[in-house]
């Protein structure tokens, strides 16, 4: 009789076979947003996705979009310092709860 395998042995193989490891890593980088940009900015801008090296960030209004555009290179630099591979940031203005460009 064969005993069942422990979940901590199975889960890493499942994650790897489904290529979820890179997506989990991206989610961890998105969780770092508040530490990267600080509390004040995080109140007005939140990351919503990372796709092909682009970080998509929803902002409250055009003023925040303009302000953060000036800080874009510093934010990219800080992210890449912690191991992310961010090449660009796209800021989207939240309108009616849905971010738009």
C-alpha atoms as a PDB file:
ATOM      1  CA  UNK A   1       0.000   0.000   0.000  1.00  0.00           C
ATOM      2  CA  UNK A   2       1.336   3.418  -0.970  1.00  0.00           C
ATOM      3  CA  UNK A   3       0.840   6.304   1.413  1.00  0.00           C
ATOM      4  CA  UNK A   4      -0.388   9.656   0.103  1.00  0.00           C
ATOM      5  CA  UNK A   5       2.255  12.286  -0.550  1.00  0.00           C
ATOM      6  CA  UNK A   6       2.411  15.307   1.701  1.00  0.00           C
ATOM      7  CA  UNK A   7       1.005  18.520   0.246  1.00  0.00           C
ATOM      8  CA  UNK A   8       4.285  20.388   0.813  1.00  0.00           C
ATOM      9  CA  UNK A   9       5.916  17.926  -1.603  1.00  0.00           C
ATOM     10  CA  UNK A  10       3.174  18.102  -4.235  1.00  0.00           C
ATOM     11  CA  UNK A  11       2.408  21.829  -4.308  1.00  0.00           C
ATOM     12  CA  UNK A  12       5.798  23.061  -5.595  1.00  0.00           C
ATOM     13  CA  UNK A  13       5.593  20.615  -8.520  1.00  0.00           C
ATOM     14  CA  UNK A  14       2.050  21.738  -9.353  1.00  0.00           C
ATOM     15  CA  UNK A  15       3.009  25.418  -9.214  1.00  0.00           C
ATOM     16  CA  UNK A  16       6.000  24.793 -11.473  1.00  0.00           C
ATOM     17  CA  UNK A  17       4.098  22.658 -13.963  1.00  0.00           C
ATOM     18  CA  UNK A  18       1.397  25.319 -14.325  1.00  0.00           C
ATOM     19  CA  UNK A  19       4.010  28.115 -14.558  1.00  0.00           C
ATOM     20  CA  UNK A  20       2.398  29.867 -11.622  1.00  0.00           C
ATOM     21  CA  UNK A  21       5.711  30.632  -9.963  1.00  0.00           C
ATOM     22  CA  UNK A  22       6.317  33.743 -12.076  1.00  0.00           C
ATOM     23  CA  UNK A  23       2.761  34.983 -11.479  1.00  0.00           C
ATOM     24  CA  UNK A  24       3.145  34.468  -7.724  1.00  0.00           C
ATOM     25  CA  UNK A  25       6.385  36.438  -7.861  1.00  0.00           C
ATOM     26  CA  UNK A  26       4.610  39.281  -9.697  1.00  0.00           C
ATOM     27  CA  UNK A  27       1.907  39.333  -7.033  1.00  0.00           C
ATOM     28  CA  UNK A  28       4.580  39.616  -4.345  1.00  0.00           C
ATOM     29  CA  UNK A  29       6.078  42.594  -6.169  1.00  0.00           C
ATOM     30  CA  UNK A  30       2.641  44.218  -6.347  1.00  0.00           C
ATOM     31  CA  UNK A  31       2.302  43.743  -2.585  1.00  0.00           C
ATOM     32  CA  UNK A  32       5.560  45.710  -2.184  1.00  0.00           C
ATOM     33  CA  UNK A  33       3.990  48.830  -3.725  1.00  0.00           C
ATOM     34  CA  UNK A  34       3.293  50.570  -0.391  1.00  0.00           C
ATOM     35  CA  UNK A  35       6.896  50.045   0.734  1.00  0.00           C
ATOM     36  CA  UNK A  36       8.281  51.221  -2.613  1.00  0.00           C
ATOM     37  CA  UNK A  37       6.278  54.442  -2.974  1.00  0.00           C
ATOM     38  CA  UNK A  38       5.302  55.291   0.597  1.00  0.00           C
ATOM     39  CA  UNK A  39       1.994  55.636   2.388  1.00  0.00           C
ATOM     40  CA  UNK A  40       0.835  58.943   0.879  1.00  0.00           C
ATOM     41  CA  UNK A  41       1.221  57.812  -2.735  1.00  0.00           C
ATOM     42  CA  UNK A  42      -0.251  54.386  -1.940  1.00  0.00           C
ATOM     43  CA  UNK A  43      -3.439  56.103  -0.767  1.00  0.00           C
ATOM     44  CA  UNK A  44      -3.919  57.521  -4.281  1.00  0.00           C
ATOM     45  CA  UNK A  45      -2.361  54.870  -6.524  1.00  0.00           C
ATOM     46  CA  UNK A  46      -2.536  51.080  -6.481  1.00  0.00           C
ATOM     47  CA  UNK A  47      -0.865  48.488  -8.710  1.00  0.00           C
ATOM     48  CA  UNK A  48      -3.368  46.388 -10.632  1.00  0.00           C
ATOM     49  CA  UNK A  49      -1.226  44.150 -12.832  1.00  0.00           C
ATOM     50  CA  UNK A  50       2.225  43.276 -14.089  1.00  0.00           C
ATOM     51  CA  UNK A  51       2.427  42.050 -17.671  1.00  0.00           C
ATOM     52  CA  UNK A  52       5.563  41.560 -19.803  1.00  0.00           C
ATOM     53  CA  UNK A  53       7.639  43.899 -17.669  1.00  0.00           C
ATOM     54  CA  UNK A  54       4.965  46.607 -17.509  1.00  0.00           C
ATOM     55  CA  UNK A  55       3.480  47.593 -14.168  1.00  0.00           C
ATOM     56  CA  UNK A  56      -0.068  48.936 -14.457  1.00  0.00           C
ATOM     57  CA  UNK A  57      -1.089  51.353 -11.726  1.00  0.00           C
ATOM     58  CA  UNK A  58      -4.545  52.837 -11.099  1.00  0.00           C
ATOM     59  CA  UNK A  59      -4.465  56.458  -9.877  1.00  0.00           C
ATOM     60  CA  UNK A  60      -7.200  58.674  -8.422  1.00  0.00           C
ATOM     61  CA  UNK A  61      -7.016  61.509 -10.930  1.00  0.00           C
ATOM     62  CA  UNK A  62      -4.922  63.195 -13.664  1.00  0.00           C
ATOM     63  CA  UNK A  63      -2.931  65.180 -11.106  1.00  0.00           C
ATOM     64  CA  UNK A  64      -1.656  61.989  -9.495  1.00  0.00           C
ATOM     65  CA  UNK A  65      -0.960  60.509 -12.914  1.00  0.00           C
ATOM     66  CA  UNK A  66       1.194  63.518 -13.802  1.00  0.00           C
ATOM     67  CA  UNK A  67       2.970  63.507 -10.437  1.00  0.00           C
ATOM     68  CA  UNK A  68       3.764  59.808 -10.598  1.00  0.00           C
ATOM     69  CA  UNK A  69       4.926  60.087 -14.200  1.00  0.00           C
ATOM     70  CA  UNK A  70       7.698  62.311 -12.884  1.00  0.00           C
ATOM     71  CA  UNK A  71       8.673  59.614 -10.381  1.00  0.00           C
ATOM     72  CA  UNK A  72       8.420  56.733 -12.854  1.00  0.00           C
ATOM     73  CA  UNK A  73      12.144  56.073 -13.267  1.00  0.00           C
ATOM     74  CA  UNK A  74      12.743  56.126  -9.491  1.00  0.00           C
ATOM     75  CA  UNK A  75       9.891  53.680  -8.909  1.00  0.00           C
ATOM     76  CA  UNK A  76      11.202  51.351 -11.632  1.00  0.00           C
ATOM     77  CA  UNK A  77      14.679  51.564 -10.123  1.00  0.00           C
ATOM     78  CA  UNK A  78      13.379  50.676  -6.632  1.00  0.00           C
ATOM     79  CA  UNK A  79      11.377  47.733  -7.978  1.00  0.00           C
ATOM     80  CA  UNK A  80      14.308  46.355  -9.922  1.00  0.00           C
ATOM     81  CA  UNK A  81      16.493  46.704  -6.832  1.00  0.00           C
ATOM     82  CA  UNK A  82      14.282  44.105  -5.094  1.00  0.00           C
ATOM     83  CA  UNK A  83      14.469  41.729  -8.055  1.00  0.00           C
ATOM     84  CA  UNK A  84      11.508  42.760 -10.200  1.00  0.00           C
ATOM     85  CA  UNK A  85      12.014  43.109 -13.925  1.00  0.00           C
ATOM     86  CA  UNK A  86       9.942  46.246 -14.494  1.00  0.00           C
ATOM     87  CA  UNK A  87      10.679  48.038 -17.768  1.00  0.00           C
ATOM     88  CA  UNK A  88       7.826  50.532 -17.760  1.00  0.00           C
ATOM     89  CA  UNK A  89       4.905  51.781 -15.710  1.00  0.00           C
ATOM     90  CA  UNK A  90       1.522  52.654 -17.157  1.00  0.00           C
ATOM     91  CA  UNK A  91      -0.690  54.870 -15.049  1.00  0.00           C
ATOM     92  CA  UNK A  92      -4.437  54.529 -15.534  1.00  0.00           C
ATOM     93  CA  UNK A  93      -6.981  56.959 -14.109  1.00  0.00           C
ATOM     94  CA  UNK A  94      -9.811  55.363 -12.127  1.00  0.00           C
ATOM     95  CA  UNK A  95     -13.169  56.461 -13.524  1.00  0.00           C
ATOM     96  CA  UNK A  96     -16.272  55.066 -11.928  1.00  0.00           C
ATOM     97  CA  UNK A  97     -14.257  52.342 -10.209  1.00  0.00           C
ATOM     98  CA  UNK A  98     -12.650  51.131 -13.462  1.00  0.00           C
ATOM     99  CA  UNK A  99      -9.126  52.286 -14.418  1.00  0.00           C
ATOM    100  CA  UNK A 100      -8.891  53.970 -17.858  1.00  0.00           C
ATOM    101  CA  UNK A 101      -5.907  55.362 -19.746  1.00  0.00           C
END
